PDB file of N, CA and C in Angstrom:
ATOM      1  N   UNK A   1     -86.233-101.441  62.957  1.00  0.00           N
ATOM      2  CA  UNK A   1     -86.663-101.226  61.462  1.00  0.00           C
ATOM      3  C   UNK A   1     -88.015-100.469  61.301  1.00  0.00           C
ATOM      4  N   UNK A   2     -88.288 -99.299  61.000  1.00  0.00           N
ATOM      5  CA  UNK A   2     -89.706 -98.661  61.020  1.00  0.00           C
ATOM      6  C   UNK A   2     -90.322 -99.172  59.896  1.00  0.00           C
ATOM      7  N   UNK A   3     -91.609 -99.567  59.936  1.00  0.00           N
ATOM      8  CA  UNK A   3     -92.238-100.152  59.060  1.00  0.00           C
ATOM      9  C   UNK A   3     -93.238 -98.994  58.637  1.00  0.00           C
ATOM     10  N   UNK A   4     -93.749 -99.158  57.141  1.00  0.00           N
ATOM     11  CA  UNK A   4     -94.707 -98.090  56.662  1.00  0.00           C
ATOM     12  C   UNK A   4     -95.885 -99.047  56.095  1.00  0.00           C
ATOM     13  N   UNK A   5     -97.066 -98.366  55.976  1.00  0.00           N
ATOM     14  CA  UNK A   5     -98.260 -99.003  55.641  1.00  0.00           C
ATOM     15  C   UNK A   5     -98.737 -98.345  54.384  1.00  0.00           C
ATOM     16  N   UNK A   6     -99.031 -99.328  53.294  1.00  0.00           N
ATOM     17  CA  UNK A   6     -99.726 -98.742  52.143  1.00  0.00           C
ATOM     18  C   UNK A   6    -100.990 -99.565  51.895  1.00  0.00           C
ATOM     19  N   UNK A   7    -101.993 -98.986  51.240  1.00  0.00           N
ATOM     20  CA  UNK A   7    -103.167 -99.460  50.980  1.00  0.00           C
ATOM     21  C   UNK A   7    -103.110 -99.405  49.186  1.00  0.00           C
ATOM     22  N   UNK A   8    -102.914-100.553  48.713  1.00  0.00           N
ATOM     23  CA  UNK A   8    -102.671-100.657  47.203  1.00  0.00           C
ATOM     24  C   UNK A   8    -103.990-101.314  46.446  1.00  0.00           C
ATOM     25  N   UNK A   9    -104.457-100.529  45.237  1.00  0.00           N
ATOM     26  CA  UNK A   9    -105.810-101.050  44.383  1.00  0.00           C
ATOM     27  C   UNK A   9    -104.928-101.418  43.068  1.00  0.00           C
ATOM     28  N   UNK A  10    -105.258-102.826  42.839  1.00  0.00           N
ATOM     29  CA  UNK A  10    -104.592-103.055  41.296  1.00  0.00           C
ATOM     30  C   UNK A  10    -105.706-103.271  40.406  1.00  0.00           C
ATOM     31  N   UNK A  11    -105.858-102.533  39.394  1.00  0.00           N
ATOM     32  CA  UNK A  11    -106.784-102.968  38.277  1.00  0.00           C
ATOM     33  C   UNK A  11    -106.310-103.270  36.922  1.00  0.00           C
ATOM     34  N   UNK A  12    -107.308-104.139  36.320  1.00  0.00           N
ATOM     35  CA  UNK A  12    -106.910-104.611  34.904  1.00  0.00           C
ATOM     36  C   UNK A  12    -107.293-106.091  35.029  1.00  0.00           C
ATOM     37  N   UNK A  13    -106.690-107.095  34.242  1.00  0.00           N
ATOM     38  CA  UNK A  13    -106.831-108.303  34.347  1.00  0.00           C
ATOM     39  C   UNK A  13    -106.076-108.998  35.493  1.00  0.00           C
ATOM     40  N   UNK A  14    -106.714-109.039  36.580  1.00  0.00           N
ATOM     41  CA  UNK A  14    -105.861-109.307  37.924  1.00  0.00           C
ATOM     42  C   UNK A  14    -106.937-110.354  38.813  1.00  0.00           C
ATOM     43  N   UNK A  15    -108.028-110.876  38.439  1.00  0.00           N
ATOM     44  CA  UNK A  15    -108.613-111.808  38.916  1.00  0.00           C
ATOM     45  C   UNK A  15    -108.643-112.873  38.189  1.00  0.00           C
ATOM     46  N   UNK A  16    -108.678-114.018  38.505  1.00  0.00           N
ATOM     47  CA  UNK A  16    -108.742-115.452  37.858  1.00  0.00           C
ATOM     48  C   UNK A  16    -107.245-115.807  37.252  1.00  0.00           C
ATOM     49  N   UNK A  17    -106.234-115.071  37.671  1.00  0.00           N
ATOM     50  CA  UNK A  17    -105.098-115.347  37.275  1.00  0.00           C
ATOM     51  C   UNK A  17    -103.955-115.778  38.111  1.00  0.00           C
ATOM     52  N   UNK A  18    -104.353-115.864  39.241  1.00  0.00           N
ATOM     53  CA  UNK A  18    -103.447-116.396  40.334  1.00  0.00           C
ATOM     54  C   UNK A  18    -102.721-115.038  41.012  1.00  0.00           C
ATOM     55  N   UNK A  19    -103.371-113.992  40.936  1.00  0.00           N
ATOM     56  CA  UNK A  19    -102.889-112.774  41.290  1.00  0.00           C
ATOM     57  C   UNK A  19    -102.477-112.750  42.743  1.00  0.00           C
ATOM     58  N   UNK A  20    -103.754-113.190  43.720  1.00  0.00           N
ATOM     59  CA  UNK A  20    -103.540-112.965  45.144  1.00  0.00           C
ATOM     60  C   UNK A  20    -102.515-114.059  45.459  1.00  0.00           C
ATOM     61  N   UNK A  21    -102.431-115.406  44.999  1.00  0.00           N
ATOM     62  CA  UNK A  21    -101.530-116.229  45.484  1.00  0.00           C
ATOM     63  C   UNK A  21    -100.177-115.661  45.206  1.00  0.00           C
ATOM     64  N   UNK A  22     -99.975-115.471  43.792  1.00  0.00           N
ATOM     65  CA  UNK A  22     -98.303-114.708  43.589  1.00  0.00           C
ATOM     66  C   UNK A  22     -98.181-113.568  44.700  1.00  0.00           C
ATOM     67  N   UNK A  23     -99.104-112.566  44.804  1.00  0.00           N
ATOM     68  CA  UNK A  23     -98.840-111.700  45.599  1.00  0.00           C
ATOM     69  C   UNK A  23     -98.474-111.896  47.103  1.00  0.00           C
ATOM     70  N   UNK A  24     -99.064-112.931  47.536  1.00  0.00           N
ATOM     71  CA  UNK A  24     -98.711-113.358  48.849  1.00  0.00           C
ATOM     72  C   UNK A  24     -97.402-114.036  48.925  1.00  0.00           C
ATOM     73  N   UNK A  25     -97.071-114.809  47.712  1.00  0.00           N
ATOM     74  CA  UNK A  25     -95.402-115.475  47.742  1.00  0.00           C
ATOM     75  C   UNK A  25     -94.587-114.240  47.709  1.00  0.00           C
ATOM     76  N   UNK A  26     -94.773-113.228  46.925  1.00  0.00           N
ATOM     77  CA  UNK A  26     -93.807-112.294  46.946  1.00  0.00           C
ATOM     78  C   UNK A  26     -93.763-111.240  48.250  1.00  0.00           C
ATOM     79  N   UNK A  27     -94.725-111.059  48.917  1.00  0.00           N
ATOM     80  CA  UNK A  27     -94.761-110.421  50.190  1.00  0.00           C
ATOM     81  C   UNK A  27     -93.985-111.225  50.954  1.00  0.00           C
ATOM     82  N   UNK A  28     -94.219-112.428  51.239  1.00  0.00           N
ATOM     83  CA  UNK A  28     -93.540-113.266  52.131  1.00  0.00           C
ATOM     84  C   UNK A  28     -92.152-113.240  51.953  1.00  0.00           C
ATOM     85  N   UNK A  29     -91.809-113.351  50.438  1.00  0.00           N
ATOM     86  CA  UNK A  29     -90.356-113.400  50.219  1.00  0.00           C
ATOM     87  C   UNK A  29     -89.547-112.022  50.703  1.00  0.00           C
ATOM     88  N   UNK A  30     -90.454-111.029  50.741  1.00  0.00           N
ATOM     89  CA  UNK A  30     -89.760-109.613  50.986  1.00  0.00           C
ATOM     90  C   UNK A  30     -90.113-109.206  52.420  1.00  0.00           C
ATOM     91  N   UNK A  31     -90.705-110.121  53.234  1.00  0.00           N
ATOM     92  CA  UNK A  31     -90.960-109.523  54.394  1.00  0.00           C
ATOM     93  C   UNK A  31     -91.980-108.655  54.612  1.00  0.00           C
ATOM     94  N   UNK A  32     -93.006-108.675  53.670  1.00  0.00           N
ATOM     95  CA  UNK A  32     -93.969-107.648  53.875  1.00  0.00           C
ATOM     96  C   UNK A  32     -95.427-108.421  54.634  1.00  0.00           C
ATOM     97  N   UNK A  33     -96.090-107.724  55.592  1.00  0.00           N
ATOM     98  CA  UNK A  33     -97.203-108.257  56.040  1.00  0.00           C
ATOM     99  C   UNK A  33     -98.340-107.442  55.625  1.00  0.00           C
ATOM    100  N   UNK A  34     -99.551-108.064  55.646  1.00  0.00           N
ATOM    101  CA  UNK A  34    -100.842-107.551  55.147  1.00  0.00           C
ATOM    102  C   UNK A  34    -101.690-108.487  54.794  1.00  0.00           C
ATOM    103  N   UNK A  35    -102.707-108.093  53.921  1.00  0.00           N
ATOM    104  CA  UNK A  35    -103.648-108.905  53.470  1.00  0.00           C
ATOM    105  C   UNK A  35    -103.741-108.442  51.739  1.00  0.00           C
ATOM    106  N   UNK A  36    -104.299-109.417  50.855  1.00  0.00           N
ATOM    107  CA  UNK A  36    -104.695-109.293  49.702  1.00  0.00           C
ATOM    108  C   UNK A  36    -106.022-109.898  49.435  1.00  0.00           C
ATOM    109  N   UNK A  37    -106.983-109.169  48.794  1.00  0.00           N
ATOM    110  CA  UNK A  37    -108.366-109.743  48.537  1.00  0.00           C
ATOM    111  C   UNK A  37    -108.909-109.337  47.124  1.00  0.00           C
ATOM    112  N   UNK A  38    -109.755-110.088  46.433  1.00  0.00           N
ATOM    113  CA  UNK A  38    -110.613-109.668  45.352  1.00  0.00           C
ATOM    114  C   UNK A  38    -111.770-108.633  45.635  1.00  0.00           C
ATOM    115  N   UNK A  39    -111.957-107.571  44.786  1.00  0.00           N
ATOM    116  CA  UNK A  39    -113.109-106.681  44.938  1.00  0.00           C
ATOM    117  C   UNK A  39    -114.097-107.213  43.989  1.00  0.00           C
ATOM    118  N   UNK A  40    -115.373-106.647  44.388  1.00  0.00           N
ATOM    119  CA  UNK A  40    -116.245-106.776  43.580  1.00  0.00           C
ATOM    120  C   UNK A  40    -116.237-106.310  42.201  1.00  0.00           C
ATOM    121  N   UNK A  41    -115.511-105.151  41.955  1.00  0.00           N
ATOM    122  CA  UNK A  41    -115.399-104.464  40.920  1.00  0.00           C
ATOM    123  C   UNK A  41    -114.407-105.024  39.782  1.00  0.00           C
ATOM    124  N   UNK A  42    -113.682-106.086  40.352  1.00  0.00           N
ATOM    125  CA  UNK A  42    -112.870-106.551  39.338  1.00  0.00           C
ATOM    126  C   UNK A  42    -111.449-106.423  40.031  1.00  0.00           C
ATOM    127  N   UNK A  43    -111.033-105.635  40.632  1.00  0.00           N
ATOM    128  CA  UNK A  43    -109.842-105.060  41.171  1.00  0.00           C
ATOM    129  C   UNK A  43    -109.420-106.137  42.190  1.00  0.00           C
ATOM    130  N   UNK A  44    -108.101-105.682  42.504  1.00  0.00           N
ATOM    131  CA  UNK A  44    -107.550-106.508  43.870  1.00  0.00           C
ATOM    132  C   UNK A  44    -107.066-105.523  44.726  1.00  0.00           C
ATOM    133  N   UNK A  45    -107.302-105.733  46.044  1.00  0.00           N
ATOM    134  CA  UNK A  45    -106.829-104.919  47.197  1.00  0.00           C
ATOM    135  C   UNK A  45    -105.960-105.234  47.969  1.00  0.00           C
ATOM    136  N   UNK A  46    -104.874-104.530  48.126  1.00  0.00           N
ATOM    137  CA  UNK A  46    -103.769-105.116  48.943  1.00  0.00           C
ATOM    138  C   UNK A  46    -103.695-104.372  50.123  1.00  0.00           C
ATOM    139  N   UNK A  47    -103.336-104.541  51.437  1.00  0.00           N
ATOM    140  CA  UNK A  47    -102.831-103.854  52.604  1.00  0.00           C
ATOM    141  C   UNK A  47    -101.258-104.252  52.776  1.00  0.00           C
ATOM    142  N   UNK A  48    -100.475-103.552  52.679  1.00  0.00           N
ATOM    143  CA  UNK A  48     -99.384-103.957  52.955  1.00  0.00           C
ATOM    144  C   UNK A  48     -98.422-103.276  53.993  1.00  0.00           C
ATOM    145  N   UNK A  49     -97.378-103.781  54.837  1.00  0.00           N
ATOM    146  CA  UNK A  49     -96.679-103.144  56.020  1.00  0.00           C
ATOM    147  C   UNK A  49     -95.321-103.887  55.715  1.00  0.00           C
ATOM    148  N   UNK A  50     -94.279-102.899  55.711  1.00  0.00           N
ATOM    149  CA  UNK A  50     -92.905-103.312  55.604  1.00  0.00           C
ATOM    150  C   UNK A  50     -91.910-102.170  55.708  1.00  0.00           C
ATOM    151  N   UNK A  51     -90.698-102.508  55.593  1.00  0.00           N
ATOM    152  CA  UNK A  51     -89.634-101.590  55.251  1.00  0.00           C
ATOM    153  C   UNK A  51     -89.793-100.804  54.000  1.00  0.00           C
ATOM    154  N   UNK A  52     -89.381 -99.483  54.079  1.00  0.00           N
ATOM    155  CA  UNK A  52     -89.454 -98.859  52.887  1.00  0.00           C
ATOM    156  C   UNK A  52     -88.736 -99.395  51.604  1.00  0.00           C
ATOM    157  N   UNK A  53     -87.323-100.223  51.636  1.00  0.00           N
ATOM    158  CA  UNK A  53     -86.868-100.873  50.763  1.00  0.00           C
ATOM    159  C   UNK A  53     -87.790-101.845  50.086  1.00  0.00           C
ATOM    160  N   UNK A  54     -88.094-102.712  51.146  1.00  0.00           N
ATOM    161  CA  UNK A  54     -89.165-103.825  50.661  1.00  0.00           C
ATOM    162  C   UNK A  54     -90.299-103.295  50.103  1.00  0.00           C
ATOM    163  N   UNK A  55     -91.004-102.427  50.595  1.00  0.00           N
ATOM    164  CA  UNK A  55     -92.295-101.800  50.040  1.00  0.00           C
ATOM    165  C   UNK A  55     -92.039-101.415  48.533  1.00  0.00           C
ATOM    166  N   UNK A  56     -91.096-100.589  48.337  1.00  0.00           N
ATOM    167  CA  UNK A  56     -90.755-100.340  47.147  1.00  0.00           C
ATOM    168  C   UNK A  56     -90.522-101.252  46.064  1.00  0.00           C
ATOM    169  N   UNK A  57     -89.775-102.414  46.419  1.00  0.00           N
ATOM    170  CA  UNK A  57     -89.515-103.583  45.365  1.00  0.00           C
ATOM    171  C   UNK A  57     -91.149-104.349  45.412  1.00  0.00           C
ATOM    172  N   UNK A  58     -92.051-104.299  46.472  1.00  0.00           N
ATOM    173  CA  UNK A  58     -93.367-105.073  46.262  1.00  0.00           C
ATOM    174  C   UNK A  58     -94.202-104.274  45.475  1.00  0.00           C
ATOM    175  N   UNK A  59     -94.040-102.817  45.634  1.00  0.00           N
ATOM    176  CA  UNK A  59     -95.163-102.046  44.711  1.00  0.00           C
ATOM    177  C   UNK A  59     -94.584-102.205  43.100  1.00  0.00           C
ATOM    178  N   UNK A  60     -93.228-102.289  42.976  1.00  0.00           N
ATOM    179  CA  UNK A  60     -92.866-102.363  41.748  1.00  0.00           C
ATOM    180  C   UNK A  60     -93.329-103.778  40.924  1.00  0.00           C
ATOM    181  N   UNK A  61     -93.315-104.867  41.885  1.00  0.00           N
ATOM    182  CA  UNK A  61     -93.712-106.085  41.523  1.00  0.00           C
ATOM    183  C   UNK A  61     -95.292-106.082  41.250  1.00  0.00           C
ATOM    184  N   UNK A  62     -96.143-105.288  42.135  1.00  0.00           N
ATOM    185  CA  UNK A  62     -97.489-104.960  41.901  1.00  0.00           C
ATOM    186  C   UNK A  62     -97.832-104.381  40.565  1.00  0.00           C
ATOM    187  N   UNK A  63     -97.026-103.549  40.206  1.00  0.00           N
ATOM    188  CA  UNK A  63     -97.414-102.522  38.850  1.00  0.00           C
ATOM    189  C   UNK A  63     -97.238-103.740  37.559  1.00  0.00           C
ATOM    190  N   UNK A  64     -96.488-104.923  37.841  1.00  0.00           N
ATOM    191  CA  UNK A  64     -96.234-106.057  36.849  1.00  0.00           C
ATOM    192  C   UNK A  64     -97.277-107.093  36.932  1.00  0.00           C
ATOM    193  N   UNK A  65     -97.279-107.709  38.343  1.00  0.00           N
ATOM    194  CA  UNK A  65     -97.949-108.868  38.646  1.00  0.00           C
ATOM    195  C   UNK A  65     -97.443-109.924  38.100  1.00  0.00           C
ATOM    196  N   UNK A  66     -98.323-111.229  38.326  1.00  0.00           N
ATOM    197  CA  UNK A  66     -97.713-112.334  37.657  1.00  0.00           C
ATOM    198  C   UNK A  66     -97.668-112.761  36.103  1.00  0.00           C
ATOM    199  N   UNK A  67     -97.318-113.526  35.475  1.00  0.00           N
ATOM    200  CA  UNK A  67     -97.402-113.749  33.990  1.00  0.00           C
ATOM    201  C   UNK A  67     -98.711-113.563  33.339  1.00  0.00           C
ATOM    202  N   UNK A  68     -99.570-114.218  33.934  1.00  0.00           N
ATOM    203  CA  UNK A  68    -100.978-114.187  33.308  1.00  0.00           C
ATOM    204  C   UNK A  68    -101.494-112.868  33.415  1.00  0.00           C
ATOM    205  N   UNK A  69    -101.425-112.086  34.287  1.00  0.00           N
ATOM    206  CA  UNK A  69    -102.278-110.768  34.742  1.00  0.00           C
ATOM    207  C   UNK A  69    -101.622-109.815  33.561  1.00  0.00           C
ATOM    208  N   UNK A  70    -102.653-108.665  33.490  1.00  0.00           N
ATOM    209  CA  UNK A  70    -102.410-107.453  32.899  1.00  0.00           C
ATOM    210  C   UNK A  70    -102.788-106.278  33.613  1.00  0.00           C
ATOM    211  N   UNK A  71    -101.847-105.873  34.294  1.00  0.00           N
ATOM    212  CA  UNK A  71    -102.224-104.624  35.074  1.00  0.00           C
ATOM    213  C   UNK A  71    -102.155-103.411  34.475  1.00  0.00           C
ATOM    214  N   UNK A  72    -103.441-102.602  34.733  1.00  0.00           N
ATOM    215  CA  UNK A  72    -103.595-101.451  34.099  1.00  0.00           C
ATOM    216  C   UNK A  72    -103.320-100.215  34.882  1.00  0.00           C
ATOM    217  N   UNK A  73    -103.831-100.228  36.073  1.00  0.00           N
ATOM    218  CA  UNK A  73    -103.669 -99.103  37.020  1.00  0.00           C
ATOM    219  C   UNK A  73    -103.245 -99.633  38.568  1.00  0.00           C
ATOM    220  N   UNK A  74    -102.496 -99.069  39.079  1.00  0.00           N
ATOM    221  CA  UNK A  74    -102.064 -99.110  40.542  1.00  0.00           C
ATOM    222  C   UNK A  74    -102.292 -97.904  41.281  1.00  0.00           C
ATOM    223  N   UNK A  75    -103.274 -97.946  42.243  1.00  0.00           N
ATOM    224  CA  UNK A  75    -103.337 -96.821  43.043  1.00  0.00           C
ATOM    225  C   UNK A  75    -102.912 -97.099  44.612  1.00  0.00           C
ATOM    226  N   UNK A  76    -102.114 -96.230  45.087  1.00  0.00           N
ATOM    227  CA  UNK A  76    -101.394 -96.281  46.224  1.00  0.00           C
ATOM    228  C   UNK A  76    -101.690 -95.298  47.427  1.00  0.00           C
ATOM    229  N   UNK A  77    -102.314 -95.439  48.465  1.00  0.00           N
ATOM    230  CA  UNK A  77    -102.315 -94.556  49.516  1.00  0.00           C
ATOM    231  C   UNK A  77    -101.546 -95.039  50.711  1.00  0.00           C
ATOM    232  N   UNK A  78    -101.298 -93.933  51.527  1.00  0.00           N
ATOM    233  CA  UNK A  78    -100.727 -94.081  52.683  1.00  0.00           C
ATOM    234  C   UNK A  78    -101.558 -94.627  53.941  1.00  0.00           C
ATOM    235  N   UNK A  79    -101.068 -95.144  54.873  1.00  0.00           N
ATOM    236  CA  UNK A  79    -102.128 -95.236  56.063  1.00  0.00           C
ATOM    237  C   UNK A  79    -101.129 -95.554  57.149  1.00  0.00           C
ATOM    238  N   UNK A  80    -101.695 -95.732  58.427  1.00  0.00           N
ATOM    239  CA  UNK A  80    -100.878 -95.943  59.755  1.00  0.00           C
ATOM    240  C   UNK A  80    -100.809 -97.455  59.732  1.00  0.00           C
ATOM    241  N   UNK A  81     -99.613 -97.726  60.313  1.00  0.00           N
ATOM    242  CA  UNK A  81     -99.237 -98.971  60.643  1.00  0.00           C
ATOM    243  C   UNK A  81    -100.291 -99.846  61.491  1.00  0.00           C
ATOM    244  N   UNK A  82    -100.507-100.794  61.193  1.00  0.00           N
ATOM    245  CA  UNK A  82    -101.615-101.667  62.075  1.00  0.00           C
ATOM    246  C   UNK A  82    -100.870-102.782  62.726  1.00  0.00           C
ATOM    247  N   UNK A  83     -99.766-103.394  62.351  1.00  0.00           N
ATOM    248  CA  UNK A  83     -99.116-104.340  62.959  1.00  0.00           C
ATOM    249  C   UNK A  83     -99.672-105.769  62.616  1.00  0.00           C
ATOM    250  N   UNK A  84     -99.675-105.805  61.348  1.00  0.00           N
ATOM    251  CA  UNK A  84    -100.076-107.157  60.903  1.00  0.00           C
ATOM    252  C   UNK A  84     -98.686-108.226  60.989  1.00  0.00           C
ATOM    253  N   UNK A  85     -98.994-109.549  61.380  1.00  0.00           N
ATOM    254  CA  UNK A  85     -98.092-110.507  61.850  1.00  0.00           C
ATOM    255  C   UNK A  85     -97.475-111.186  60.579  1.00  0.00           C
ATOM    256  N   UNK A  86     -98.408-111.307  59.767  1.00  0.00           N
ATOM    257  CA  UNK A  86     -98.118-112.229  58.424  1.00  0.00           C
ATOM    258  C   UNK A  86     -98.733-111.617  57.409  1.00  0.00           C
ATOM    259  N   UNK A  87     -98.558-112.326  56.231  1.00  0.00           N
ATOM    260  CA  UNK A  87     -99.695-111.830  54.747  1.00  0.00           C
ATOM    261  C   UNK A  87    -100.419-113.001  54.574  1.00  0.00           C
ATOM    262  N   UNK A  88    -101.741-112.531  54.304  1.00  0.00           N
ATOM    263  CA  UNK A  88    -102.619-113.557  54.179  1.00  0.00           C
ATOM    264  C   UNK A  88    -103.667-113.300  52.894  1.00  0.00           C
ATOM    265  N   UNK A  89    -104.261-114.194  52.260  1.00  0.00           N
ATOM    266  CA  UNK A  89    -105.147-113.964  51.544  1.00  0.00           C
ATOM    267  C   UNK A  89    -106.752-114.023  52.094  1.00  0.00           C
ATOM    268  N   UNK A  90    -107.370-113.053  51.648  1.00  0.00           N
ATOM    269  CA  UNK A  90    -108.666-113.089  52.141  1.00  0.00           C
ATOM    270  C   UNK A  90    -109.859-113.493  51.037  1.00  0.00           C
ATOM    271  N   UNK A  91    -110.366-114.398  51.378  1.00  0.00           N
ATOM    272  CA  UNK A  91    -111.359-114.858  50.263  1.00  0.00           C
ATOM    273  C   UNK A  91    -112.573-114.107  49.927  1.00  0.00           C
TER     274      UNK A  91
END
């Protein structure tokens, strides 16, 4: 299975609402590897690698986020696969 790489910036009310934890749970459920971290500007940055089908489902989830979040904008860029082994939260 060929993997694709996406770098995703999520803006809105996405810090202090469990966004990183729920992102990690969703990624693991879908077989996505990579990282998620809070940014100093209040956004959340996600690096994600997985199959095309899993990535489409994951990105759709990122556009909504967990119940307490309010996603205003999602910016997605393509990148080269780096070969992450798992999905982790960067503090």
